PDB file of N, CA and C in Angstrom:
ATOM      1  N   MET A   1       1.007  -1.104   0.002  1.00  0.00           N
ATOM      2  CA  MET A   1       0.250  -0.009  -0.101  1.00  0.00           C
ATOM      3  C   MET A   1       0.928   1.309  -0.014  1.00  0.00           C
ATOM      4  N   GLU A   2       0.151   2.018  -0.710  1.00  0.00           N
ATOM      5  CA  GLU A   2       1.362   3.871  -0.638  1.00  0.00           C
ATOM      6  C   GLU A   2       1.138   4.480  -0.059  1.00  0.00           C
ATOM      7  N   ARG A   3       1.508   5.365   1.128  1.00  0.00           N
ATOM      8  CA  ARG A   3       1.704   5.981   2.080  1.00  0.00           C
ATOM      9  C   ARG A   3       1.755   7.189   1.848  1.00  0.00           C
ATOM     10  N   VAL A   4       1.419   8.578   3.073  1.00  0.00           N
ATOM     11  CA  VAL A   4       2.033   9.988   2.819  1.00  0.00           C
ATOM     12  C   VAL A   4       3.036   9.562   3.212  1.00  0.00           C
ATOM     13  N   LEU A   5       4.326  10.448   2.922  1.00  0.00           N
ATOM     14  CA  LEU A   5       5.654  10.718   3.349  1.00  0.00           C
ATOM     15  C   LEU A   5       5.339  11.564   4.896  1.00  0.00           C
ATOM     16  N   GLY A   6       4.711  12.362   5.077  1.00  0.00           N
ATOM     17  CA  GLY A   6       4.893  13.670   5.576  1.00  0.00           C
ATOM     18  C   GLY A   6       3.977  14.822   5.371  1.00  0.00           C
ATOM     19  N   ILE A   7       3.966  15.411   5.905  1.00  0.00           N
ATOM     20  CA  ILE A   7       2.882  16.749   5.546  1.00  0.00           C
ATOM     21  C   ILE A   7       3.956  17.588   4.392  1.00  0.00           C
ATOM     22  N   GLY A   8       2.626  17.898   3.387  1.00  0.00           N
ATOM     23  CA  GLY A   8       3.498  18.476   2.308  1.00  0.00           C
ATOM     24  C   GLY A   8       3.332  20.255   2.098  1.00  0.00           C
ATOM     25  N   GLY A   9       2.469  20.603   2.869  1.00  0.00           N
ATOM     26  CA  GLY A   9       2.544  21.928   2.480  1.00  0.00           C
ATOM     27  C   GLY A   9       0.737  22.275   3.867  1.00  0.00           C
ATOM     28  N   VAL A  10       1.172  23.655   4.336  1.00  0.00           N
ATOM     29  CA  VAL A  10       0.255  24.096   4.866  1.00  0.00           C
ATOM     30  C   VAL A  10      -0.397  25.736   4.134  1.00  0.00           C
ATOM     31  N   PHE A  11      -1.275  25.400   3.879  1.00  0.00           N
ATOM     32  CA  PHE A  11      -2.081  26.464   2.964  1.00  0.00           C
ATOM     33  C   PHE A  11      -3.396  27.404   3.685  1.00  0.00           C
ATOM     34  N   LEU A  12      -2.856  29.049   3.485  1.00  0.00           N
ATOM     35  CA  LEU A  12      -4.034  29.530   4.640  1.00  0.00           C
ATOM     36  C   LEU A  12      -5.023  30.759   3.701  1.00  0.00           C
ATOM     37  N   ARG A  13      -6.041  30.885   3.516  1.00  0.00           N
ATOM     38  CA  ARG A  13      -6.773  32.074   2.504  1.00  0.00           C
ATOM     39  C   ARG A  13      -6.127  33.134   3.746  1.00  0.00           C
ATOM     40  N   ALA A  14      -5.818  34.491   2.944  1.00  0.00           N
ATOM     41  CA  ALA A  14      -6.068  35.641   4.190  1.00  0.00           C
ATOM     42  C   ALA A  14      -6.433  36.756   3.225  1.00  0.00           C
ATOM     43  N   THR A  15      -6.878  37.819   3.733  1.00  0.00           N
ATOM     44  CA  THR A  15      -7.231  39.072   3.528  1.00  0.00           C
ATOM     45  C   THR A  15      -6.052  39.968   2.875  1.00  0.00           C
ATOM     46  N   ASP A  16      -4.533  39.651   3.510  1.00  0.00           N
ATOM     47  CA  ASP A  16      -3.482  39.988   3.165  1.00  0.00           C
ATOM     48  C   ASP A  16      -2.108  39.165   3.659  1.00  0.00           C
ATOM     49  N   PRO A  17      -2.223  38.609   2.321  1.00  0.00           N
ATOM     50  CA  PRO A  17      -0.985  37.226   2.454  1.00  0.00           C
ATOM     51  C   PRO A  17       0.320  37.776   2.836  1.00  0.00           C
ATOM     52  N   LYS A  18       0.736  38.685   2.026  1.00  0.00           N
ATOM     53  CA  LYS A  18       2.025  38.670   2.352  1.00  0.00           C
ATOM     54  C   LYS A  18       2.316  39.500   3.656  1.00  0.00           C
ATOM     55  N   SER A  19       1.600  40.362   4.364  1.00  0.00           N
ATOM     56  CA  SER A  19       1.239  40.573   5.842  1.00  0.00           C
ATOM     57  C   SER A  19       1.281  39.413   6.659  1.00  0.00           C
ATOM     58  N   LEU A  20       0.361  38.754   6.536  1.00  0.00           N
ATOM     59  CA  LEU A  20       0.431  37.336   7.662  1.00  0.00           C
ATOM     60  C   LEU A  20       1.539  36.503   7.230  1.00  0.00           C
ATOM     61  N   SER A  21       2.067  36.287   6.098  1.00  0.00           N
ATOM     62  CA  SER A  21       3.605  35.727   6.247  1.00  0.00           C
ATOM     63  C   SER A  21       4.566  36.264   6.447  1.00  0.00           C
ATOM     64  N   SER A  22       4.391  37.672   6.243  1.00  0.00           N
ATOM     65  CA  SER A  22       5.351  38.396   7.309  1.00  0.00           C
ATOM     66  C   SER A  22       5.418  38.129   8.930  1.00  0.00           C
ATOM     67  N   TRP A  23       4.101  37.695   9.533  1.00  0.00           N
ATOM     68  CA  TRP A  23       3.826  37.683  10.660  1.00  0.00           C
ATOM     69  C   TRP A  23       4.190  36.093  11.034  1.00  0.00           C
ATOM     70  N   TYR A  24       4.039  35.565  10.391  1.00  0.00           N
ATOM     71  CA  TYR A  24       4.508  34.273  10.692  1.00  0.00           C
ATOM     72  C   TYR A  24       6.388  33.764  10.729  1.00  0.00           C
ATOM     73  N   ARG A  25       6.876  34.886   9.408  1.00  0.00           N
ATOM     74  CA  ARG A  25       8.075  34.938   9.810  1.00  0.00           C
ATOM     75  C   ARG A  25       8.430  35.393  11.059  1.00  0.00           C
ATOM     76  N   ASP A  26       8.279  36.603  11.065  1.00  0.00           N
ATOM     77  CA  ASP A  26       8.898  37.852  12.306  1.00  0.00           C
ATOM     78  C   ASP A  26       8.296  37.023  13.725  1.00  0.00           C
ATOM     79  N   CYS A  27       7.267  36.651  13.860  1.00  0.00           N
ATOM     80  CA  CYS A  27       6.785  36.502  15.444  1.00  0.00           C
ATOM     81  C   CYS A  27       6.864  34.637  15.772  1.00  0.00           C
ATOM     82  N   LEU A  28       7.176  34.247  14.424  1.00  0.00           N
ATOM     83  CA  LEU A  28       7.218  32.292  15.102  1.00  0.00           C
ATOM     84  C   LEU A  28       8.623  32.163  14.611  1.00  0.00           C
ATOM     85  N   GLY A  29       8.991  32.959  13.551  1.00  0.00           N
ATOM     86  CA  GLY A  29      10.652  32.743  13.335  1.00  0.00           C
ATOM     87  C   GLY A  29      10.490  31.234  11.856  1.00  0.00           C
ATOM     88  N   LEU A  30       9.311  31.345  11.146  1.00  0.00           N
ATOM     89  CA  LEU A  30       9.283  30.701   9.991  1.00  0.00           C
ATOM     90  C   LEU A  30      10.517  30.968   8.788  1.00  0.00           C
ATOM     91  N   ASP A  31      11.233  30.537   8.827  1.00  0.00           N
ATOM     92  CA  ASP A  31      12.051  30.661   7.541  1.00  0.00           C
ATOM     93  C   ASP A  31      12.187  30.588   6.640  1.00  0.00           C
ATOM     94  N   LEU A  32      10.825  31.406   6.221  1.00  0.00           N
ATOM     95  CA  LEU A  32       9.988  30.894   4.716  1.00  0.00           C
ATOM     96  C   LEU A  32      10.858  31.273   3.150  1.00  0.00           C
ATOM     97  N   GLY A  33      11.134  29.955   2.432  1.00  0.00           N
ATOM     98  CA  GLY A  33      12.245  30.366   1.470  1.00  0.00           C
ATOM     99  C   GLY A  33      11.037  30.945   0.090  1.00  0.00           C
ATOM    100  N   GLU A  34      11.594  30.765  -0.996  1.00  0.00           N
ATOM    101  CA  GLU A  34      10.558  31.112  -2.269  1.00  0.00           C
ATOM    102  C   GLU A  34       9.720  29.920  -2.113  1.00  0.00           C
ATOM    103  N   HIS A  35       8.637  30.381  -2.727  1.00  0.00           N
ATOM    104  CA  HIS A  35       7.296  29.792  -2.658  1.00  0.00           C
ATOM    105  C   HIS A  35       6.588  29.285  -1.107  1.00  0.00           C
ATOM    106  N   GLY A  36       7.332  29.957  -0.166  1.00  0.00           N
ATOM    107  CA  GLY A  36       6.746  29.576   0.951  1.00  0.00           C
ATOM    108  C   GLY A  36       7.511  28.327   1.193  1.00  0.00           C
ATOM    109  N   LEU A  37       8.913  27.804   0.839  1.00  0.00           N
ATOM    110  CA  LEU A  37       9.475  26.527   0.918  1.00  0.00           C
ATOM    111  C   LEU A  37      10.051  26.550   2.441  1.00  0.00           C
ATOM    112  N   TRP A  38       9.699  25.702   3.452  1.00  0.00           N
ATOM    113  CA  TRP A  38      10.061  25.674   5.015  1.00  0.00           C
ATOM    114  C   TRP A  38      10.794  24.468   5.374  1.00  0.00           C
ATOM    115  N   GLU A  39      11.978  24.448   5.933  1.00  0.00           N
ATOM    116  CA  GLU A  39      12.828  23.458   5.841  1.00  0.00           C
ATOM    117  C   GLU A  39      12.652  23.114   7.588  1.00  0.00           C
ATOM    118  N   GLN A  40      11.872  22.128   8.208  1.00  0.00           N
ATOM    119  CA  GLN A  40      11.799  22.273   9.519  1.00  0.00           C
ATOM    120  C   GLN A  40      12.320  20.931  10.082  1.00  0.00           C
ATOM    121  N   GLY A  41      12.652  21.288  11.396  1.00  0.00           N
ATOM    122  CA  GLY A  41      13.495  20.286  12.156  1.00  0.00           C
ATOM    123  C   GLY A  41      12.334  19.021  12.435  1.00  0.00           C
ATOM    124  N   GLY A  42      13.565  17.871  12.848  1.00  0.00           N
ATOM    125  CA  GLY A  42      12.427  16.175  12.354  1.00  0.00           C
ATOM    126  C   GLY A  42      11.963  16.222  13.876  1.00  0.00           C
ATOM    127  N   GLY A  43      11.274  16.015  14.154  1.00  0.00           N
ATOM    128  CA  GLY A  43      10.474  15.657  15.398  1.00  0.00           C
ATOM    129  C   GLY A  43       8.939  14.893  15.090  1.00  0.00           C
ATOM    130  N   PRO A  44       7.734  14.546  15.836  1.00  0.00           N
ATOM    131  CA  PRO A  44       7.036  14.226  15.778  1.00  0.00           C
ATOM    132  C   PRO A  44       5.665  15.197  15.097  1.00  0.00           C
ATOM    133  N   THR A  45       4.806  14.542  14.297  1.00  0.00           N
ATOM    134  CA  THR A  45       3.514  15.624  14.028  1.00  0.00           C
ATOM    135  C   THR A  45       2.179  14.876  14.477  1.00  0.00           C
ATOM    136  N   VAL A  46       1.655  15.340  14.452  1.00  0.00           N
ATOM    137  CA  VAL A  46       0.318  14.651  15.374  1.00  0.00           C
ATOM    138  C   VAL A  46      -0.697  15.175  14.107  1.00  0.00           C
ATOM    139  N   PHE A  47      -1.294  13.919  13.879  1.00  0.00           N
ATOM    140  CA  PHE A  47      -2.806  14.315  12.976  1.00  0.00           C
ATOM    141  C   PHE A  47      -3.827  13.260  13.617  1.00  0.00           C
ATOM    142  N   ALA A  48      -4.618  14.646  14.428  1.00  0.00           N
ATOM    143  CA  ALA A  48      -5.692  13.666  14.795  1.00  0.00           C
ATOM    144  C   ALA A  48      -7.061  14.628  14.769  1.00  0.00           C
ATOM    145  N   THR A  49      -8.133  13.713  14.614  1.00  0.00           N
ATOM    146  CA  THR A  49      -9.708  14.645  14.320  1.00  0.00           C
ATOM    147  C   THR A  49     -10.012  15.045  15.768  1.00  0.00           C
ATOM    148  N   PHE A  50     -11.007  16.019  15.866  1.00  0.00           N
ATOM    149  CA  PHE A  50     -11.985  16.445  17.006  1.00  0.00           C
ATOM    150  C   PHE A  50     -13.283  15.813  16.321  1.00  0.00           C
ATOM    151  N   GLU A  51     -14.100  16.251  17.698  1.00  0.00           N
ATOM    152  CA  GLU A  51     -15.956  16.316  17.051  1.00  0.00           C
ATOM    153  C   GLU A  51     -15.918  17.519  16.622  1.00  0.00           C
ATOM    154  N   SER A  52     -16.911  17.922  15.469  1.00  0.00           N
ATOM    155  CA  SER A  52     -17.362  18.809  14.752  1.00  0.00           C
ATOM    156  C   SER A  52     -18.172  20.031  15.693  1.00  0.00           C
ATOM    157  N   ASP A  53     -18.187  19.936  17.113  1.00  0.00           N
ATOM    158  CA  ASP A  53     -18.597  21.163  18.463  1.00  0.00           C
ATOM    159  C   ASP A  53     -17.368  21.552  19.186  1.00  0.00           C
ATOM    160  N   THR A  54     -16.296  21.051  18.713  1.00  0.00           N
ATOM    161  CA  THR A  54     -15.321  21.401  19.530  1.00  0.00           C
ATOM    162  C   THR A  54     -14.953  22.863  20.038  1.00  0.00           C
ATOM    163  N   ASP A  55     -14.675  23.322  21.098  1.00  0.00           N
ATOM    164  CA  ASP A  55     -14.450  24.558  21.046  1.00  0.00           C
ATOM    165  C   ASP A  55     -12.653  24.846  21.440  1.00  0.00           C
ATOM    166  N   TYR A  56     -12.056  23.389  20.820  1.00  0.00           N
ATOM    167  CA  TYR A  56     -10.584  23.847  20.992  1.00  0.00           C
ATOM    168  C   TYR A  56      -9.941  24.355  19.951  1.00  0.00           C
ATOM    169  N   PHE A  57     -10.420  24.611  18.942  1.00  0.00           N
ATOM    170  CA  PHE A  57      -9.679  25.497  17.758  1.00  0.00           C
ATOM    171  C   PHE A  57     -10.025  26.950  18.059  1.00  0.00           C
ATOM    172  N   GLY A  58     -11.060  27.598  19.158  1.00  0.00           N
ATOM    173  CA  GLY A  58     -11.095  28.745  19.444  1.00  0.00           C
ATOM    174  C   GLY A  58     -12.644  28.930  18.948  1.00  0.00           C
ATOM    175  N   SER A  59     -12.951  29.738  17.706  1.00  0.00           N
ATOM    176  CA  SER A  59     -14.291  29.793  16.737  1.00  0.00           C
ATOM    177  C   SER A  59     -14.404  28.668  16.466  1.00  0.00           C
ATOM    178  N   ARG A  60     -15.368  27.996  16.302  1.00  0.00           N
ATOM    179  CA  ARG A  60     -16.315  27.448  15.340  1.00  0.00           C
ATOM    180  C   ARG A  60     -16.473  27.541  14.342  1.00  0.00           C
ATOM    181  N   THR A  61     -16.135  28.414  13.387  1.00  0.00           N
ATOM    182  CA  THR A  61     -15.720  28.178  12.377  1.00  0.00           C
ATOM    183  C   THR A  61     -14.393  28.166  11.802  1.00  0.00           C
ATOM    184  N   GLN A  62     -13.426  28.118  12.345  1.00  0.00           N
ATOM    185  CA  GLN A  62     -12.210  27.343  12.366  1.00  0.00           C
ATOM    186  C   GLN A  62     -12.089  25.839  12.167  1.00  0.00           C
ATOM    187  N   GLN A  63     -11.959  25.505  10.987  1.00  0.00           N
ATOM    188  CA  GLN A  63     -11.862  23.624  10.541  1.00  0.00           C
ATOM    189  C   GLN A  63     -10.323  23.328  10.857  1.00  0.00           C
ATOM    190  N   VAL A  64      -9.104  24.130  11.065  1.00  0.00           N
ATOM    191  CA  VAL A  64      -8.300  23.186  11.310  1.00  0.00           C
ATOM    192  C   VAL A  64      -7.620  23.872  12.089  1.00  0.00           C
ATOM    193  N   MET A  65      -6.464  23.569  13.059  1.00  0.00           N
ATOM    194  CA  MET A  65      -5.797  24.636  13.770  1.00  0.00           C
ATOM    195  C   MET A  65      -4.235  23.702  13.582  1.00  0.00           C
ATOM    196  N   LEU A  66      -3.295  25.013  13.089  1.00  0.00           N
ATOM    197  CA  LEU A  66      -1.831  24.472  13.189  1.00  0.00           C
ATOM    198  C   LEU A  66      -1.314  24.172  14.600  1.00  0.00           C
ATOM    199  N   ASN A  67      -0.268  23.352  14.651  1.00  0.00           N
ATOM    200  CA  ASN A  67       0.245  23.142  15.717  1.00  0.00           C
ATOM    201  C   ASN A  67       2.059  23.169  15.764  1.00  0.00           C
ATOM    202  N   PHE A  68       2.638  24.027  16.187  1.00  0.00           N
ATOM    203  CA  PHE A  68       3.642  24.073  16.348  1.00  0.00           C
ATOM    204  C   PHE A  68       4.618  23.875  17.077  1.00  0.00           C
ATOM    205  N   ARG A  69       5.520  22.603  17.021  1.00  0.00           N
ATOM    206  CA  ARG A  69       6.943  22.273  17.813  1.00  0.00           C
ATOM    207  C   ARG A  69       7.390  23.261  18.733  1.00  0.00           C
ATOM    208  N   VAL A  70       7.968  23.751  19.600  1.00  0.00           N
ATOM    209  CA  VAL A  70       8.729  24.620  20.295  1.00  0.00           C
ATOM    210  C   VAL A  70       9.685  24.290  21.245  1.00  0.00           C
ATOM    211  N   ALA A  71      10.921  24.469  21.353  1.00  0.00           N
ATOM    212  CA  ALA A  71      11.904  24.293  22.281  1.00  0.00           C
ATOM    213  C   ALA A  71      11.741  25.103  23.605  1.00  0.00           C
ATOM    214  N   HIS A  72      10.888  25.839  23.833  1.00  0.00           N
ATOM    215  CA  HIS A  72      10.783  26.509  25.096  1.00  0.00           C
ATOM    216  C   HIS A  72       9.359  27.335  25.129  1.00  0.00           C
ATOM    217  N   LEU A  73       8.601  26.407  25.394  1.00  0.00           N
ATOM    218  CA  LEU A  73       6.876  27.349  25.544  1.00  0.00           C
ATOM    219  C   LEU A  73       7.155  28.403  26.171  1.00  0.00           C
ATOM    220  N   GLU A  74       7.320  28.827  27.059  1.00  0.00           N
ATOM    221  CA  GLU A  74       7.187  30.045  28.022  1.00  0.00           C
ATOM    222  C   GLU A  74       8.091  31.055  27.306  1.00  0.00           C
ATOM    223  N   ALA A  75       9.204  30.698  26.518  1.00  0.00           N
ATOM    224  CA  ALA A  75      10.088  32.061  25.903  1.00  0.00           C
ATOM    225  C   ALA A  75       9.158  32.398  24.980  1.00  0.00           C
ATOM    226  N   MET A  76       8.781  31.332  24.176  1.00  0.00           N
ATOM    227  CA  MET A  76       7.847  31.345  22.834  1.00  0.00           C
ATOM    228  C   MET A  76       6.844  32.326  23.032  1.00  0.00           C
ATOM    229  N   LEU A  77       6.468  32.117  24.129  1.00  0.00           N
ATOM    230  CA  LEU A  77       5.003  33.142  24.144  1.00  0.00           C
ATOM    231  C   LEU A  77       5.582  34.547  24.978  1.00  0.00           C
ATOM    232  N   ALA A  78       6.518  34.707  25.933  1.00  0.00           N
ATOM    233  CA  ALA A  78       7.186  35.795  26.055  1.00  0.00           C
ATOM    234  C   ALA A  78       7.419  36.573  25.227  1.00  0.00           C
ATOM    235  N   GLN A  79       7.979  35.971  23.845  1.00  0.00           N
ATOM    236  CA  GLN A  79       8.295  36.854  22.821  1.00  0.00           C
ATOM    237  C   GLN A  79       7.217  37.326  21.806  1.00  0.00           C
ATOM    238  N   LEU A  80       5.808  36.292  21.773  1.00  0.00           N
ATOM    239  CA  LEU A  80       4.946  36.742  21.295  1.00  0.00           C
ATOM    240  C   LEU A  80       4.340  37.996  21.892  1.00  0.00           C
ATOM    241  N   ARG A  81       4.220  37.710  23.528  1.00  0.00           N
ATOM    242  CA  ARG A  81       3.708  38.944  23.679  1.00  0.00           C
ATOM    243  C   ARG A  81       4.659  40.198  23.774  1.00  0.00           C
ATOM    244  N   SER A  82       5.910  40.582  23.650  1.00  0.00           N
ATOM    245  CA  SER A  82       6.626  41.388  23.285  1.00  0.00           C
ATOM    246  C   SER A  82       6.260  41.451  22.164  1.00  0.00           C
ATOM    247  N   MET A  83       6.124  41.228  21.191  1.00  0.00           N
ATOM    248  CA  MET A  83       5.841  41.631  19.707  1.00  0.00           C
ATOM    249  C   MET A  83       4.397  41.912  19.587  1.00  0.00           C
ATOM    250  N   GLY A  84       3.643  42.271  20.338  1.00  0.00           N
ATOM    251  CA  GLY A  84       1.751  42.615  20.359  1.00  0.00           C
ATOM    252  C   GLY A  84       1.106  41.457  20.164  1.00  0.00           C
ATOM    253  N   ALA A  85       1.207  39.975  20.381  1.00  0.00           N
ATOM    254  CA  ALA A  85       0.557  38.905  19.622  1.00  0.00           C
ATOM    255  C   ALA A  85      -0.433  38.714  20.395  1.00  0.00           C
ATOM    256  N   ASP A  86      -1.387  38.266  20.145  1.00  0.00           N
ATOM    257  CA  ASP A  86      -2.431  38.065  20.814  1.00  0.00           C
ATOM    258  C   ASP A  86      -2.538  36.753  21.432  1.00  0.00           C
ATOM    259  N   VAL A  87      -1.940  36.691  22.364  1.00  0.00           N
ATOM    260  CA  VAL A  87      -1.158  35.296  23.262  1.00  0.00           C
ATOM    261  C   VAL A  87      -1.986  34.891  24.597  1.00  0.00           C
ATOM    262  N   ALA A  88      -2.740  33.408  24.471  1.00  0.00           N
ATOM    263  CA  ALA A  88      -3.923  33.293  25.167  1.00  0.00           C
ATOM    264  C   ALA A  88      -3.265  33.267  27.030  1.00  0.00           C
ATOM    265  N   GLU A  89      -3.622  33.478  27.762  1.00  0.00           N
ATOM    266  CA  GLU A  89      -3.381  33.514  29.103  1.00  0.00           C
ATOM    267  C   GLU A  89      -2.881  32.016  29.707  1.00  0.00           C
ATOM    268  N   GLU A  90      -3.723  31.161  29.296  1.00  0.00           N
ATOM    269  CA  GLU A  90      -3.603  29.661  30.083  1.00  0.00           C
ATOM    270  C   GLU A  90      -2.427  29.115  29.091  1.00  0.00           C
ATOM    271  N   THR A  91      -2.216  28.027  29.624  1.00  0.00           N
ATOM    272  CA  THR A  91      -1.016  27.553  29.426  1.00  0.00           C
ATOM    273  C   THR A  91      -1.652  25.791  29.660  1.00  0.00           C
ATOM    274  N   GLU A  92      -1.717  24.635  28.837  1.00  0.00           N
ATOM    275  CA  GLU A  92      -1.565  23.598  29.460  1.00  0.00           C
ATOM    276  C   GLU A  92      -0.643  22.482  29.357  1.00  0.00           C
ATOM    277  N   ASN A  93      -0.559  21.706  30.990  1.00  0.00           N
ATOM    278  CA  ASN A  93       0.379  20.397  30.952  1.00  0.00           C
ATOM    279  C   ASN A  93       0.276  19.457  31.265  1.00  0.00           C
ATOM    280  N   THR A  94       0.129  18.287  29.894  1.00  0.00           N
ATOM    281  CA  THR A  94      -0.509  17.177  30.321  1.00  0.00           C
ATOM    282  C   THR A  94       0.813  16.031  30.392  1.00  0.00           C
ATOM    283  N   GLY A  95       1.624  16.413  30.630  1.00  0.00           N
ATOM    284  CA  GLY A  95       2.645  15.803  31.821  1.00  0.00           C
ATOM    285  C   GLY A  95       3.163  14.471  30.506  1.00  0.00           C
ATOM    286  N   ASP A  96       2.453  13.406  30.392  1.00  0.00           N
ATOM    287  CA  ASP A  96       2.867  12.281  29.165  1.00  0.00           C
ATOM    288  C   ASP A  96       3.342  13.109  28.012  1.00  0.00           C
ATOM    289  N   VAL A  97       2.054  14.240  27.405  1.00  0.00           N
ATOM    290  CA  VAL A  97       2.792  14.701  26.256  1.00  0.00           C
ATOM    291  C   VAL A  97       3.121  15.693  25.775  1.00  0.00           C
ATOM    292  N   GLY A  98       3.233  16.750  26.974  1.00  0.00           N
ATOM    293  CA  GLY A  98       3.879  18.246  26.939  1.00  0.00           C
ATOM    294  C   GLY A  98       3.193  19.335  27.200  1.00  0.00           C
ATOM    295  N   ARG A  99       3.667  20.545  27.013  1.00  0.00           N
ATOM    296  CA  ARG A  99       2.704  21.754  27.469  1.00  0.00           C
ATOM    297  C   ARG A  99       2.671  22.299  26.372  1.00  0.00           C
ATOM    298  N   PHE A 100       1.383  23.385  26.553  1.00  0.00           N
ATOM    299  CA  PHE A 100       0.810  23.812  25.096  1.00  0.00           C
ATOM    300  C   PHE A 100       0.304  25.495  25.926  1.00  0.00           C
ATOM    301  N   GLY A 101       0.388  25.775  24.310  1.00  0.00           N
ATOM    302  CA  GLY A 101      -0.257  27.586  24.862  1.00  0.00           C
ATOM    303  C   GLY A 101      -0.523  27.824  23.375  1.00  0.00           C
ATOM    304  N   TRP A 102      -1.154  28.909  23.494  1.00  0.00           N
ATOM    305  CA  TRP A 102      -1.837  29.272  21.700  1.00  0.00           C
ATOM    306  C   TRP A 102      -2.059  31.039  21.993  1.00  0.00           C
ATOM    307  N   VAL A 103      -1.703  30.839  20.664  1.00  0.00           N
ATOM    308  CA  VAL A 103      -1.424  32.325  20.061  1.00  0.00           C
ATOM    309  C   VAL A 103      -2.662  32.901  18.912  1.00  0.00           C
ATOM    310  N   THR A 104      -3.127  33.493  18.360  1.00  0.00           N
ATOM    311  CA  THR A 104      -4.008  33.965  17.411  1.00  0.00           C
ATOM    312  C   THR A 104      -3.613  35.118  16.554  1.00  0.00           C
ATOM    313  N   ASP A 105      -3.492  34.149  14.851  1.00  0.00           N
ATOM    314  CA  ASP A 105      -2.685  35.228  14.402  1.00  0.00           C
ATOM    315  C   ASP A 105      -3.510  36.262  13.729  1.00  0.00           C
ATOM    316  N   PRO A 106      -2.802  37.637  13.004  1.00  0.00           N
ATOM    317  CA  PRO A 106      -3.538  39.011  12.403  1.00  0.00           C
ATOM    318  C   PRO A 106      -4.909  38.491  11.903  1.00  0.00           C
ATOM    319  N   GLU A 107      -5.228  37.079  11.300  1.00  0.00           N
ATOM    320  CA  GLU A 107      -6.029  36.782  10.352  1.00  0.00           C
ATOM    321  C   GLU A 107      -7.291  36.390  11.043  1.00  0.00           C
ATOM    322  N   GLY A 108      -7.029  36.013  12.698  1.00  0.00           N
ATOM    323  CA  GLY A 108      -8.209  35.314  13.545  1.00  0.00           C
ATOM    324  C   GLY A 108      -7.558  34.003  13.277  1.00  0.00           C
ATOM    325  N   HIS A 109      -6.989  33.196  12.843  1.00  0.00           N
ATOM    326  CA  HIS A 109      -6.440  31.741  13.295  1.00  0.00           C
ATOM    327  C   HIS A 109      -6.082  31.519  14.346  1.00  0.00           C
ATOM    328  N   ARG A 110      -6.276  30.520  15.415  1.00  0.00           N
ATOM    329  CA  ARG A 110      -5.502  30.114  16.153  1.00  0.00           C
ATOM    330  C   ARG A 110      -4.817  28.877  16.048  1.00  0.00           C
ATOM    331  N   ILE A 111      -3.402  29.404  17.208  1.00  0.00           N
ATOM    332  CA  ILE A 111      -2.342  28.443  16.768  1.00  0.00           C
ATOM    333  C   ILE A 111      -1.993  28.010  17.896  1.00  0.00           C
ATOM    334  N   GLU A 112      -1.873  26.654  17.702  1.00  0.00           N
ATOM    335  CA  GLU A 112      -1.481  25.911  19.212  1.00  0.00           C
ATOM    336  C   GLU A 112       0.145  25.715  18.976  1.00  0.00           C
ATOM    337  N   LEU A 113       0.722  26.045  20.772  1.00  0.00           N
ATOM    338  CA  LEU A 113       2.370  26.051  20.166  1.00  0.00           C
ATOM    339  C   LEU A 113       2.654  24.508  21.206  1.00  0.00           C
ATOM    340  N   TRP A 114       3.590  23.566  20.762  1.00  0.00           N
ATOM    341  CA  TRP A 114       3.884  22.549  21.607  1.00  0.00           C
ATOM    342  C   TRP A 114       4.925  22.194  22.121  1.00  0.00           C
ATOM    343  N   GLN A 115       5.698  22.473  23.532  1.00  0.00           N
ATOM    344  CA  GLN A 115       6.642  21.565  23.721  1.00  0.00           C
ATOM    345  C   GLN A 115       6.793  20.157  24.164  1.00  0.00           C
ATOM    346  N   PRO A 116       7.114  19.307  23.311  1.00  0.00           N
ATOM    347  CA  PRO A 116       6.679  17.655  23.677  1.00  0.00           C
ATOM    348  C   PRO A 116       8.141  17.754  24.859  1.00  0.00           C
ATOM    349  N   VAL A 117       7.353  16.427  25.365  1.00  0.00           N
ATOM    350  CA  VAL A 117       7.995  16.015  26.736  1.00  0.00           C
ATOM    351  C   VAL A 117       9.442  15.683  26.343  1.00  0.00           C
TER     352      VAL A 117
END
């Protein structure tokens, strides 16, 4: 059986694509090359489904939520706050999975930040 090898891309609709790309580069440190190519570090990727009425993604109109792995959650959240980003006050520690925090990008997409164990 043929299988997918990994995530080949993430595509977001935006009212101002250039500005939103700049936000991801400047605030989250995504080193985006030509055509948005991003060479990410190795590590786990979670593919999970949620009930259609979940509030976990923030707005119920948001159908997909990005989750980025980070090395130091508190440092990343502090950096985002210092840049004026909309960072949720709460964090979550699941113990066996890791720590989580959330930020909302300028176009209203809730993003999860994950510091794996």
